[in-house]
Amino acid sequence: MKLSTLFIGRPVYWILALAIIAALAVLGANQMHVRHFVSFQFIILGIAVSAVAIVLAVYKPGERATRDPLDPEGDA
């Protein structure tokens, strides 16, 4: 099995996901959500805005986002 069929998306998306998980782990380990709640909220907001900006900057139209093609007719 090729890893490209298992992990859909560009490597930059996976690196971004790992960076977000690491940042949240560091914030949780330092108990920022308890000791400095307002700062924690702004950090989370900054992480979210940065992640969206990075995805919008590197996204290419027509890029594959799912394993199966989307059916516009709907089989339901």
C-alpha atoms as a PDB file:
ATOM      1  CA  MET A   1       0.000   0.000   0.000  1.00  0.00           C
ATOM      2  CA  LYS A   2       1.324   3.400  -0.951  1.00  0.00           C
ATOM      3  CA  LEU A   3       1.288   6.054   1.728  1.00  0.00           C
ATOM      4  CA  SER A   4      -0.169   8.524  -0.768  1.00  0.00           C
ATOM      5  CA  THR A   5      -3.385   6.484  -0.848  1.00  0.00           C
ATOM      6  CA  LEU A   6      -3.571   6.365   2.941  1.00  0.00           C
ATOM      7  CA  PHE A   7      -2.671   9.985   3.671  1.00  0.00           C
ATOM      8  CA  ILE A   8      -4.659  12.137   1.293  1.00  0.00           C
ATOM      9  CA  GLY A   9      -3.456  15.682   0.967  1.00  0.00           C
ATOM     10  CA  ARG A  10      -0.176  17.430   0.542  1.00  0.00           C
ATOM     11  CA  PRO A  11       2.572  16.921   3.121  1.00  0.00           C
ATOM     12  CA  VAL A  12       2.260  20.562   4.155  1.00  0.00           C
ATOM     13  CA  TYR A  13      -1.249  19.819   5.476  1.00  0.00           C
ATOM     14  CA  TRP A  14       0.030  16.915   7.566  1.00  0.00           C
ATOM     15  CA  ILE A  15       2.932  19.001   8.886  1.00  0.00           C
ATOM     16  CA  LEU A  16       0.460  21.755   9.765  1.00  0.00           C
ATOM     17  CA  ALA A  17      -1.743  19.257  11.621  1.00  0.00           C
ATOM     18  CA  LEU A  18       1.233  17.933  13.588  1.00  0.00           C
ATOM     19  CA  ALA A  19       2.332  21.487  14.439  1.00  0.00           C
ATOM     20  CA  ILE A  20      -1.144  22.322  15.730  1.00  0.00           C
ATOM     21  CA  ILE A  21      -1.266  19.155  17.832  1.00  0.00           C
ATOM     22  CA  ALA A  22       2.185  19.925  19.248  1.00  0.00           C
ATOM     23  CA  ALA A  23       1.203  23.516  20.069  1.00  0.00           C
ATOM     24  CA  LEU A  24      -1.965  22.346  21.827  1.00  0.00           C
ATOM     25  CA  ALA A  25       0.014  19.735  23.754  1.00  0.00           C
ATOM     26  CA  VAL A  26       2.480  22.365  24.953  1.00  0.00           C
ATOM     27  CA  LEU A  27      -0.352  24.694  25.982  1.00  0.00           C
ATOM     28  CA  GLY A  28      -2.069  21.878  27.853  1.00  0.00           C
ATOM     29  CA  ALA A  29       1.120  20.714  29.557  1.00  0.00           C
ATOM     30  CA  ASN A  30       1.735  24.262  30.769  1.00  0.00           C
ATOM     31  CA  GLN A  31      -1.885  24.488  31.964  1.00  0.00           C
ATOM     32  CA  MET A  32      -2.429  27.708  30.057  1.00  0.00           C
ATOM     33  CA  HIS A  33      -6.176  27.016  29.944  1.00  0.00           C
ATOM     34  CA  VAL A  34      -6.233  27.225  33.756  1.00  0.00           C
ATOM     35  CA  ARG A  35      -3.614  29.823  34.657  1.00  0.00           C
ATOM     36  CA  HIS A  36      -3.889  32.321  31.802  1.00  0.00           C
ATOM     37  CA  PHE A  37      -7.261  31.675  30.209  1.00  0.00           C
ATOM     38  CA  VAL A  38      -7.552  34.914  28.206  1.00  0.00           C
ATOM     39  CA  SER A  39      -4.054  34.515  26.779  1.00  0.00           C
ATOM     40  CA  PHE A  40      -4.891  30.885  25.994  1.00  0.00           C
ATOM     41  CA  GLN A  41      -7.955  31.964  24.024  1.00  0.00           C
ATOM     42  CA  PHE A  42      -5.953  34.453  21.968  1.00  0.00           C
ATOM     43  CA  ILE A  43      -3.260  31.858  21.283  1.00  0.00           C
ATOM     44  CA  ILE A  44      -5.912  29.379  20.098  1.00  0.00           C
ATOM     45  CA  LEU A  45      -7.466  32.074  17.908  1.00  0.00           C
ATOM     46  CA  GLY A  46      -4.044  32.875  16.464  1.00  0.00           C
ATOM     47  CA  ILE A  47      -3.355  29.208  15.741  1.00  0.00           C
ATOM     48  CA  ALA A  48      -6.713  28.840  13.982  1.00  0.00           C
ATOM     49  CA  VAL A  49      -6.304  31.991  11.887  1.00  0.00           C
ATOM     50  CA  SER A  50      -2.752  31.011  10.962  1.00  0.00           C
ATOM     51  CA  ALA A  51      -3.827  27.507   9.953  1.00  0.00           C
ATOM     52  CA  VAL A  52      -6.629  28.818   7.743  1.00  0.00           C
ATOM     53  CA  ALA A  53      -4.279  31.354   6.146  1.00  0.00           C
ATOM     54  CA  ILE A  54      -1.678  28.659   5.420  1.00  0.00           C
ATOM     55  CA  VAL A  55      -4.270  26.330   3.879  1.00  0.00           C
ATOM     56  CA  LEU A  56      -5.663  29.142   1.726  1.00  0.00           C
ATOM     57  CA  ALA A  57      -2.154  30.121   0.643  1.00  0.00           C
ATOM     58  CA  VAL A  58      -1.076  26.630  -0.455  1.00  0.00           C
ATOM     59  CA  TYR A  59      -4.392  25.258  -1.777  1.00  0.00           C
ATOM     60  CA  LYS A  60      -4.529  24.545  -5.495  1.00  0.00           C
ATOM     61  CA  PRO A  61      -7.927  24.440  -7.248  1.00  0.00           C
ATOM     62  CA  GLY A  62      -8.894  20.901  -8.182  1.00  0.00           C
ATOM     63  CA  GLU A  63      -6.858  19.358  -5.390  1.00  0.00           C
ATOM     64  CA  ARG A  64      -8.170  15.982  -4.212  1.00  0.00           C
ATOM     65  CA  ALA A  65      -9.769  16.203  -0.775  1.00  0.00           C
ATOM     66  CA  THR A  66     -11.503  12.831  -0.422  1.00  0.00           C
ATOM     67  CA  ARG A  67     -10.812   9.215  -1.329  1.00  0.00           C
ATOM     68  CA  ASP A  68     -14.030   8.818  -3.278  1.00  0.00           C
ATOM     69  CA  PRO A  69     -15.269  11.278  -5.898  1.00  0.00           C
ATOM     70  CA  LEU A  70     -18.113  13.453  -4.698  1.00  0.00           C
ATOM     71  CA  ASP A  71     -21.415  12.571  -6.357  1.00  0.00           C
ATOM     72  CA  PRO A  72     -23.328  15.770  -7.173  1.00  0.00           C
ATOM     73  CA  GLU A  73     -26.511  13.777  -7.912  1.00  0.00           C
ATOM     74  CA  GLY A  74     -26.689  12.224  -4.454  1.00  0.00           C
ATOM     75  CA  ASP A  75     -27.512   8.541  -4.013  1.00  0.00           C
ATOM     76  CA  ALA A  76     -29.570   9.046  -0.862  1.00  0.00           C
END
